[in-house]
Amino acid sequence: MGFLGPNGAGKSTTMKMITGYLESDGGNIEVCGLTVTANSIDTKKKIGYLPEANPLYTDMYVREYLRFIAAIHKIGNATARVEEVITMVGLTPEANKKIGQLSKGYKQRVGLAAALVHDPEVLILDEPTSGLDPNQIIEIREVIKKLGRDKTVLFSSHIMQEVEAVCDRVIIINKGNIVANDTLQNLQRGSGDVQFVQVTFKENVPVGEIKKLPGVIEVSNVQHSTFHIQCSNAEQLKKELLQFSVQKNLNIVSLQSESQNLESVFKSLTT
């Protein structure tokens, strides 16, 4: 689940409330069927949390730190579990170093390993690739994608391509309110009130003529006779365009429903 919103929308605050770091003023938060306020310790056992700041003890060695976290969670056979998560997140080449000696990318891996060491059912990651170089982003992205096969992952990011590459569903919030909650495919397709159609005519057609068609919200002239149309119902608009072309004796070169990228969806919902 990609969790998106502009700065100040409430993403980190929401994540802190889910994990129990902040108490909510009202409403209920449930994790795996348990209410967070009434079952604080039990819900923390089910959550792995990587905050944006990624607080680490930089004077400790990687294995030493992870064994310390494992001891807090009272994990049996902690040594074997620590080795398992080191391999899982790709920390093996740097596992004998102090955390302070590691690059930003490997520090993120240590934070991710610490969030995973107790094998939680839910993983909450607050901008886990912030400040990483492109290669590190791809590596961490692959780790998160792999983890998402077995766990619920709530993942916040400002990088839209990253969310498109990793997430199945997306929640977008704006000023503390949910403005979208759907599959990535549906959001890109324009499910709900806004959908998209692209049409190309052989002849010159005035933009004003397209704007008059029923269901049209907005029209942009992409090229010479190609129009990108925002509408309320893509299938109905395609029928209207066909009728329009017959009435005006025009030739349609191409006509198709169009997906929009997540960045466009985000912009339209938060501005």
Protein backbone atom coordinates (compact mmCIF):
# COMPACT_ATOMS: atom_id res chain seq x y z
CA MET A 1 0.00 0.00 0.00
CA GLY A 2 1.51 3.27 -1.15
CA PHE A 3 0.71 6.11 1.27
CA LEU A 4 1.00 9.48 -0.48
CA GLY A 5 0.33 13.12 0.25
CA PRO A 6 1.95 16.57 0.07
CA ASN A 7 4.28 17.70 2.87
CA GLY A 8 2.20 18.41 5.96
CA ALA A 9 -0.74 16.26 4.83
CA GLY A 10 -0.40 13.96 7.85
CA LYS A 11 1.45 10.87 6.55
CA SER A 12 4.11 10.59 9.26
CA THR A 13 1.59 11.54 11.96
CA THR A 14 -0.77 8.79 10.79
CA MET A 15 2.05 6.26 10.78
CA LYS A 16 3.08 7.27 14.29
CA MET A 17 -0.51 6.79 15.47
CA ILE A 18 -0.72 3.34 13.86
CA THR A 19 2.51 2.28 15.57
CA GLY A 20 1.43 3.71 18.93
CA TYR A 21 4.12 6.42 19.10
CA LEU A 22 1.39 9.07 19.11
CA GLU A 23 -2.05 8.75 20.65
CA SER A 24 -4.95 9.74 18.41
CA ASP A 25 -7.46 12.38 19.54
CA GLY A 26 -10.41 10.33 18.32
CA GLY A 27 -11.50 7.32 16.31
CA ASN A 28 -10.03 3.82 16.37
CA ILE A 29 -6.94 2.27 14.83
CA GLU A 30 -6.86 -1.51 14.45
CA VAL A 31 -3.83 -3.62 13.59
CA CYS A 32 -4.56 -7.29 12.80
CA GLY A 33 -7.95 -6.93 14.49
CA LEU A 34 -6.51 -5.39 17.69
CA THR A 35 -7.24 -1.82 18.81
CA VAL A 36 -3.96 0.06 19.18
CA THR A 37 -4.95 2.09 22.26
CA ALA A 38 -6.21 -0.93 24.22
CA ASN A 39 -3.51 -3.37 23.06
CA SER A 40 -0.42 -1.22 22.71
CA ILE A 41 2.20 -3.92 23.41
CA ASP A 42 0.44 -6.63 21.39
CA THR A 43 0.06 -4.40 18.32
CA LYS A 44 3.73 -3.31 18.54
CA LYS A 45 4.70 -6.99 18.38
CA LYS A 46 2.86 -7.25 15.06
CA ILE A 47 4.41 -4.10 13.53
CA GLY A 48 7.84 -3.46 12.07
CA TYR A 49 8.49 0.28 11.80
CA LEU A 50 11.17 2.17 9.89
CA PRO A 51 10.69 5.89 10.67
CA GLU A 52 11.92 8.59 8.32
CA ALA A 53 14.75 9.58 10.70
CA ASN A 54 15.95 5.93 11.09
CA PRO A 55 17.45 6.27 14.59
CA LEU A 56 20.46 3.92 14.99
CA TYR A 57 23.22 3.44 17.56
CA THR A 58 26.14 4.36 15.30
CA ASP A 59 28.81 3.16 17.76
CA MET A 60 27.48 -0.42 17.70
CA TYR A 61 28.38 -3.11 15.18
CA VAL A 62 25.64 -4.25 12.78
CA ARG A 63 25.21 -7.71 14.33
CA GLU A 64 25.52 -6.32 17.85
CA TYR A 65 22.74 -3.79 17.20
CA LEU A 66 20.42 -6.33 15.60
CA ARG A 67 20.97 -8.81 18.47
CA PHE A 68 20.12 -5.98 20.86
CA ILE A 69 16.84 -5.31 19.00
CA ALA A 70 16.12 -9.06 18.92
CA ALA A 71 16.64 -9.22 22.70
CA ILE A 72 14.10 -6.40 23.21
CA HIS A 73 11.57 -8.48 21.28
CA LYS A 74 12.57 -11.58 23.32
CA ILE A 75 13.29 -13.61 20.21
CA GLY A 76 14.38 -17.20 20.74
CA ASN A 77 17.51 -18.24 18.78
CA ALA A 78 18.25 -14.56 18.07
CA THR A 79 21.64 -15.22 16.44
CA ALA A 80 20.09 -17.32 13.65
CA ARG A 81 17.30 -14.78 13.11
CA VAL A 82 19.80 -11.90 12.91
CA GLU A 83 21.77 -13.74 10.22
CA GLU A 84 18.54 -14.41 8.36
CA VAL A 85 17.50 -10.73 8.21
CA ILE A 86 21.07 -9.65 7.32
CA THR A 87 20.86 -11.89 4.25
CA MET A 88 17.27 -10.83 3.52
CA VAL A 89 18.08 -7.12 3.25
CA GLY A 90 21.48 -7.55 1.57
CA LEU A 91 23.63 -6.46 4.52
CA THR A 92 26.12 -9.37 4.35
CA PRO A 93 29.06 -7.42 2.79
CA GLU A 94 28.93 -4.78 5.57
CA ALA A 95 27.76 -6.92 8.49
CA ASN A 96 31.11 -6.79 10.35
CA LYS A 97 31.31 -3.00 10.41
CA LYS A 98 30.17 -0.41 12.92
CA ILE A 99 26.93 1.28 11.88
CA GLY A 100 28.68 4.67 11.87
CA GLN A 101 31.02 3.45 9.10
CA LEU A 102 28.18 2.53 6.74
CA SER A 103 26.85 4.49 3.77
CA LYS A 104 23.33 5.96 3.90
CA GLY A 105 22.02 3.05 1.83
CA TYR A 106 23.41 0.41 4.17
CA LYS A 107 22.19 2.33 7.23
CA GLN A 108 18.69 2.15 5.72
CA ARG A 109 19.17 -1.61 5.37
CA VAL A 110 20.11 -1.83 9.05
CA GLY A 111 16.91 0.06 9.96
CA LEU A 112 14.90 -2.26 7.73
CA ALA A 113 16.56 -5.35 9.26
CA ALA A 114 15.72 -4.04 12.76
CA ALA A 115 12.08 -3.57 11.68
CA LEU A 116 12.02 -7.16 10.39
CA VAL A 117 13.94 -9.02 13.08
CA HIS A 118 10.81 -10.05 15.05
CA ASP A 119 9.05 -11.20 11.83
CA PRO A 120 6.10 -8.74 12.04
CA GLU A 121 2.86 -9.18 10.10
CA VAL A 122 2.72 -5.47 9.20
CA LEU A 123 5.62 -3.36 7.97
CA ILE A 124 5.40 0.46 8.12
CA LEU A 125 8.06 2.33 6.15
CA ASP A 126 8.21 6.12 6.23
CA GLU A 127 10.12 7.30 3.14
CA PRO A 128 12.64 4.41 3.28
CA THR A 129 14.55 5.54 0.17
CA SER A 130 14.92 9.21 1.17
CA GLY A 131 18.45 10.47 0.42
CA LEU A 132 19.61 7.32 -1.40
CA ASP A 133 21.34 7.25 -4.77
CA PRO A 134 19.54 5.66 -7.77
CA ASN A 135 21.27 2.26 -7.37
CA GLN A 136 20.47 2.13 -3.64
CA ILE A 137 16.84 3.08 -4.36
CA ILE A 138 16.49 0.18 -6.80
CA GLU A 139 18.05 -2.25 -4.29
CA ILE A 140 15.84 -1.16 -1.36
CA ARG A 141 12.81 -1.14 -3.69
CA GLU A 142 13.43 -4.78 -4.62
CA VAL A 143 13.75 -5.75 -0.95
CA ILE A 144 10.42 -4.04 -0.14
CA LYS A 145 8.73 -5.64 -3.15
CA LYS A 146 9.90 -9.09 -2.01
CA LEU A 147 8.68 -8.48 1.55
CA GLY A 148 5.27 -7.42 0.21
CA ARG A 149 4.61 -10.99 -0.96
CA ASP A 150 4.27 -12.19 2.64
CA LYS A 151 3.48 -9.09 4.70
CA THR A 152 1.24 -6.05 4.69
CA VAL A 153 3.52 -3.13 3.79
CA LEU A 154 2.44 0.50 4.27
CA PHE A 155 4.96 2.55 2.36
CA SER A 156 5.22 6.35 2.08
CA SER A 157 7.26 8.10 -0.58
CA HIS A 158 7.45 11.32 -2.60
CA ILE A 159 8.86 9.43 -5.59
CA MET A 160 5.88 8.50 -7.76
CA GLN A 161 7.82 6.11 -10.03
CA GLU A 162 8.85 4.20 -6.93
CA VAL A 163 5.25 3.77 -5.79
CA GLU A 164 4.25 2.68 -9.31
CA ALA A 165 7.04 0.08 -9.26
CA VAL A 166 6.35 -1.32 -5.78
CA CYS A 167 2.70 -0.88 -4.75
CA ASP A 168 -0.54 -2.71 -5.52
CA ARG A 169 -2.84 -0.15 -3.87
CA VAL A 170 -2.52 3.56 -3.14
CA ILE A 171 -3.99 5.88 -0.53
CA ILE A 172 -3.61 9.62 -1.16
CA ILE A 173 -4.32 12.07 1.65
CA ASN A 174 -4.57 15.85 1.48
CA LYS A 175 -4.89 18.15 4.52
CA GLY A 176 -5.67 15.17 6.76
CA ASN A 177 -8.40 13.70 4.53
CA ILE A 178 -8.36 10.63 2.28
CA VAL A 179 -8.87 11.80 -1.33
CA ALA A 180 -8.13 8.45 -3.02
CA ASN A 181 -8.06 4.81 -1.92
CA ASP A 182 -7.91 2.33 -4.79
CA THR A 183 -5.74 -0.05 -6.78
CA LEU A 184 -2.91 1.58 -8.69
CA GLN A 185 -4.43 0.32 -11.95
CA ASN A 186 -7.82 1.93 -11.26
CA LEU A 187 -6.27 5.26 -10.27
CA GLN A 188 -4.17 5.36 -13.41
CA ARG A 189 -7.15 4.41 -15.54
CA GLY A 190 -9.13 7.27 -14.01
CA SER A 191 -11.79 5.23 -12.21
CA GLY A 192 -14.44 7.24 -10.43
CA ASP A 193 -15.39 10.77 -11.47
CA VAL A 194 -12.53 11.44 -13.91
CA GLN A 195 -11.45 9.35 -16.91
CA PHE A 196 -9.33 10.04 -20.00
CA VAL A 197 -9.64 9.58 -23.76
CA GLN A 198 -7.19 10.42 -26.53
CA VAL A 199 -8.43 10.99 -30.09
CA THR A 200 -6.63 11.88 -33.31
CA PHE A 201 -8.47 13.23 -36.37
CA LYS A 202 -7.16 13.30 -39.93
CA GLU A 203 -8.60 16.80 -40.41
CA ASN A 204 -8.19 20.01 -38.40
CA VAL A 205 -10.80 20.20 -35.62
CA PRO A 206 -11.32 23.27 -33.39
CA VAL A 207 -10.84 22.55 -29.67
CA GLY A 208 -14.12 24.34 -28.96
CA GLU A 209 -16.05 21.71 -30.92
CA ILE A 210 -14.65 18.93 -28.70
CA LYS A 211 -15.44 20.87 -25.52
CA LYS A 212 -19.14 20.98 -26.48
CA LEU A 213 -19.49 17.18 -26.38
CA PRO A 214 -21.48 15.71 -23.42
CA GLY A 215 -19.34 14.52 -20.49
CA VAL A 216 -16.22 16.49 -21.45
CA ILE A 217 -14.51 18.14 -18.47
CA GLU A 218 -11.31 19.46 -20.03
CA VAL A 219 -9.51 19.24 -23.40
CA SER A 220 -5.85 19.75 -24.24
CA ASN A 221 -4.50 19.87 -27.80
CA VAL A 222 -1.52 17.47 -27.62
CA GLN A 223 -0.49 17.76 -31.29
CA HIS A 224 -1.86 19.07 -34.59
CA SER A 225 -5.16 17.10 -34.48
CA THR A 226 -4.67 14.99 -31.34
CA PHE A 227 -6.71 15.79 -28.24
CA HIS A 228 -6.28 14.56 -24.67
CA ILE A 229 -9.75 14.70 -23.09
CA GLN A 230 -10.68 14.54 -19.42
CA CYS A 231 -14.23 13.22 -19.07
CA SER A 232 -16.77 11.63 -16.72
CA ASN A 233 -17.23 8.40 -18.74
CA ALA A 234 -14.62 7.27 -21.27
CA GLU A 235 -16.75 4.65 -23.03
CA GLN A 236 -19.68 7.06 -23.49
CA LEU A 237 -17.38 9.79 -24.78
CA LYS A 238 -15.90 7.44 -27.39
CA LYS A 239 -19.43 6.84 -28.73
CA GLU A 240 -20.04 10.61 -28.79
CA LEU A 241 -16.79 11.16 -30.71
CA LEU A 242 -17.75 8.55 -33.31
CA GLN A 243 -21.16 10.20 -33.79
CA PHE A 244 -19.47 13.62 -33.95
CA SER A 245 -17.08 12.40 -36.68
CA VAL A 246 -19.99 11.03 -38.77
CA GLN A 247 -22.02 14.25 -38.41
CA LYS A 248 -19.05 16.47 -39.32
CA ASN A 249 -17.72 14.13 -42.02
CA LEU A 250 -14.40 13.67 -40.21
CA ASN A 251 -11.96 10.75 -40.19
CA ILE A 252 -10.74 9.40 -36.82
CA VAL A 253 -7.18 8.04 -37.04
CA SER A 254 -7.09 6.68 -33.46
CA LEU A 255 -9.43 6.64 -30.46
CA GLN A 256 -8.59 5.08 -27.12
CA SER A 257 -9.09 5.27 -23.39
CA GLU A 258 -5.91 6.49 -21.76
CA SER A 259 -4.16 5.81 -18.47
CA GLN A 260 -2.53 8.67 -16.61
CA ASN A 261 0.61 8.35 -14.54
CA LEU A 262 0.46 8.51 -10.76
CA GLU A 263 2.06 11.95 -10.72
CA SER A 264 -0.90 13.35 -12.71
CA VAL A 265 -3.39 11.65 -10.38
CA PHE A 266 -1.56 13.00 -7.33
CA LYS A 267 -1.44 16.53 -8.75
CA SER A 268 -5.13 16.58 -9.68
CA LEU A 269 -6.21 15.35 -6.22
CA THR A 270 -3.95 17.53 -4.06
CA THR A 271 -3.95 20.95 -5.79
